């Protein structure tokens, strides 16, 4: 597998997430036809800054939990009108329906 091509495909999908919506690592992996690669999606997000400026703050885990240690993530989500309660986003309300 070409890791860089995988990463670039992840970034393309992230750019499509509508304003006020979020997605999950797993949802991105499924959209790519690689449902078992959600951890690799996370790795792609870790290196996103090397490739450009992407709204990685919109990607959460499968329970809607924010990333530990990334204090700016909550404020970035709230700027888009997404409500964060106890470090989580209600996916039923804010999940991007693809």
C-alpha atoms as a PDB file:
ATOM      1  CA  UNK A   1       0.000   0.000   0.000  1.00  0.00           C
ATOM      2  CA  UNK A   2       1.211   3.483  -0.840  1.00  0.00           C
ATOM      3  CA  UNK A   3       0.978   5.243   2.532  1.00  0.00           C
ATOM      4  CA  UNK A   4       1.312   8.743   1.117  1.00  0.00           C
ATOM      5  CA  UNK A   5      -1.506   8.122  -1.385  1.00  0.00           C
ATOM      6  CA  UNK A   6      -3.634   6.796   1.484  1.00  0.00           C
ATOM      7  CA  UNK A   7      -2.928   9.916   3.546  1.00  0.00           C
ATOM      8  CA  UNK A   8      -3.781  12.225   0.639  1.00  0.00           C
ATOM      9  CA  UNK A   9      -7.089  10.429   0.111  1.00  0.00           C
ATOM     10  CA  UNK A  10      -7.890  10.912   3.806  1.00  0.00           C
ATOM     11  CA  UNK A  11      -7.200  14.639   3.470  1.00  0.00           C
ATOM     12  CA  UNK A  12      -9.452  14.909   0.408  1.00  0.00           C
ATOM     13  CA  UNK A  13     -12.317  13.350   2.357  1.00  0.00           C
ATOM     14  CA  UNK A  14     -11.741  15.612   5.351  1.00  0.00           C
ATOM     15  CA  UNK A  15     -12.060  18.645   3.088  1.00  0.00           C
ATOM     16  CA  UNK A  16     -15.556  17.462   2.098  1.00  0.00           C
ATOM     17  CA  UNK A  17     -16.967  17.437   5.649  1.00  0.00           C
ATOM     18  CA  UNK A  18     -19.688  20.104   5.695  1.00  0.00           C
ATOM     19  CA  UNK A  19     -19.641  23.071   8.053  1.00  0.00           C
ATOM     20  CA  UNK A  20     -21.150  22.119  11.411  1.00  0.00           C
ATOM     21  CA  UNK A  21     -20.645  18.371  10.908  1.00  0.00           C
ATOM     22  CA  UNK A  22     -18.124  15.805  12.137  1.00  0.00           C
ATOM     23  CA  UNK A  23     -17.043  12.352  11.078  1.00  0.00           C
ATOM     24  CA  UNK A  24     -15.170   9.429  12.617  1.00  0.00           C
ATOM     25  CA  UNK A  25     -11.944   7.647  11.801  1.00  0.00           C
ATOM     26  CA  UNK A  26     -13.981   4.564  10.927  1.00  0.00           C
ATOM     27  CA  UNK A  27     -16.355   6.435   8.645  1.00  0.00           C
ATOM     28  CA  UNK A  28     -13.425   7.824   6.658  1.00  0.00           C
ATOM     29  CA  UNK A  29     -11.893   4.344   6.382  1.00  0.00           C
ATOM     30  CA  UNK A  30     -15.226   2.961   5.108  1.00  0.00           C
ATOM     31  CA  UNK A  31     -15.557   5.773   2.560  1.00  0.00           C
ATOM     32  CA  UNK A  32     -12.128   4.779   1.274  1.00  0.00           C
ATOM     33  CA  UNK A  33     -13.192   1.157   0.933  1.00  0.00           C
ATOM     34  CA  UNK A  34     -10.771   0.175   3.707  1.00  0.00           C
ATOM     35  CA  UNK A  35     -13.004  -0.349   6.774  1.00  0.00           C
ATOM     36  CA  UNK A  36     -10.238  -1.997   8.808  1.00  0.00           C
ATOM     37  CA  UNK A  37      -7.867   0.958   8.477  1.00  0.00           C
ATOM     38  CA  UNK A  38      -9.349   3.465  10.931  1.00  0.00           C
ATOM     39  CA  UNK A  39      -6.085   3.544  12.922  1.00  0.00           C
ATOM     40  CA  UNK A  40      -4.183   4.416   9.766  1.00  0.00           C
ATOM     41  CA  UNK A  41      -6.657   7.267   9.242  1.00  0.00           C
ATOM     42  CA  UNK A  42      -5.634   8.496  12.687  1.00  0.00           C
ATOM     43  CA  UNK A  43      -1.983   8.291  11.693  1.00  0.00           C
ATOM     44  CA  UNK A  44      -2.749  10.316   8.554  1.00  0.00           C
ATOM     45  CA  UNK A  45      -4.296  13.021  10.727  1.00  0.00           C
ATOM     46  CA  UNK A  46      -1.204  13.081  12.917  1.00  0.00           C
ATOM     47  CA  UNK A  47       0.882  14.036   9.879  1.00  0.00           C
ATOM     48  CA  UNK A  48      -1.676  16.272   8.142  1.00  0.00           C
ATOM     49  CA  UNK A  49       0.286  19.439   8.913  1.00  0.00           C
ATOM     50  CA  UNK A  50       3.108  18.216   6.704  1.00  0.00           C
ATOM     51  CA  UNK A  51       0.767  18.140   3.708  1.00  0.00           C
ATOM     52  CA  UNK A  52      -1.346  21.253   4.196  1.00  0.00           C
ATOM     53  CA  UNK A  53      -4.070  22.793   6.302  1.00  0.00           C
ATOM     54  CA  UNK A  54      -6.991  20.429   6.880  1.00  0.00           C
ATOM     55  CA  UNK A  55      -9.939  20.577   9.300  1.00  0.00           C
ATOM     56  CA  UNK A  56      -8.753  17.533  11.252  1.00  0.00           C
ATOM     57  CA  UNK A  57     -10.600  18.805  14.313  1.00  0.00           C
ATOM     58  CA  UNK A  58     -13.804  17.444  12.723  1.00  0.00           C
ATOM     59  CA  UNK A  59     -12.668  13.812  13.035  1.00  0.00           C
ATOM     60  CA  UNK A  60     -13.595  11.994  16.236  1.00  0.00           C
ATOM     61  CA  UNK A  61     -13.543   8.454  17.533  1.00  0.00           C
ATOM     62  CA  UNK A  62     -16.574   6.178  17.156  1.00  0.00           C
ATOM     63  CA  UNK A  63     -18.149   7.423  20.389  1.00  0.00           C
ATOM     64  CA  UNK A  64     -17.723  11.100  19.491  1.00  0.00           C
ATOM     65  CA  UNK A  65     -14.914  11.683  21.961  1.00  0.00           C
ATOM     66  CA  UNK A  66     -12.430  14.491  21.369  1.00  0.00           C
ATOM     67  CA  UNK A  67      -8.706  13.784  21.179  1.00  0.00           C
ATOM     68  CA  UNK A  68      -6.974  13.856  24.563  1.00  0.00           C
ATOM     69  CA  UNK A  69      -4.467  16.668  24.887  1.00  0.00           C
ATOM     70  CA  UNK A  70      -5.721  18.746  21.946  1.00  0.00           C
ATOM     71  CA  UNK A  71      -7.290  21.629  23.825  1.00  0.00           C
ATOM     72  CA  UNK A  72      -8.061  23.676  20.688  1.00  0.00           C
ATOM     73  CA  UNK A  73     -10.292  20.968  19.216  1.00  0.00           C
ATOM     74  CA  UNK A  74     -13.299  21.867  21.352  1.00  0.00           C
ATOM     75  CA  UNK A  75     -13.142  25.578  20.550  1.00  0.00           C
ATOM     76  CA  UNK A  76     -12.745  24.856  16.817  1.00  0.00           C
ATOM     77  CA  UNK A  77     -15.827  22.629  16.895  1.00  0.00           C
ATOM     78  CA  UNK A  78     -17.795  25.200  18.872  1.00  0.00           C
ATOM     79  CA  UNK A  79     -16.904  27.864  16.285  1.00  0.00           C
ATOM     80  CA  UNK A  80     -18.904  25.756  13.813  1.00  0.00           C
ATOM     81  CA  UNK A  81     -21.873  25.541  16.192  1.00  0.00           C
ATOM     82  CA  UNK A  82     -21.100  21.998  17.353  1.00  0.00           C
ATOM     83  CA  UNK A  83     -21.936  21.477  21.014  1.00  0.00           C
ATOM     84  CA  UNK A  84     -19.348  19.592  23.074  1.00  0.00           C
ATOM     85  CA  UNK A  85     -20.434  18.121  26.404  1.00  0.00           C
ATOM     86  CA  UNK A  86     -18.008  16.357  28.731  1.00  0.00           C
ATOM     87  CA  UNK A  87     -15.445  16.026  25.951  1.00  0.00           C
ATOM     88  CA  UNK A  88     -17.880  14.409  23.528  1.00  0.00           C
ATOM     89  CA  UNK A  89     -19.990  15.365  20.527  1.00  0.00           C
ATOM     90  CA  UNK A  90     -23.452  13.877  19.997  1.00  0.00           C
ATOM     91  CA  UNK A  91     -22.899  11.924  16.782  1.00  0.00           C
ATOM     92  CA  UNK A  92     -26.641  11.426  16.273  1.00  0.00           C
ATOM     93  CA  UNK A  93     -26.933  15.181  15.878  1.00  0.00           C
ATOM     94  CA  UNK A  94     -23.664  16.188  14.197  1.00  0.00           C
ATOM     95  CA  UNK A  95     -22.410  13.191  12.210  1.00  0.00           C
ATOM     96  CA  UNK A  96     -21.897  13.874   8.512  1.00  0.00           C
ATOM     97  CA  UNK A  97     -24.413  11.769   6.591  1.00  0.00           C
ATOM     98  CA  UNK A  98     -22.566  10.616   3.509  1.00  0.00           C
END
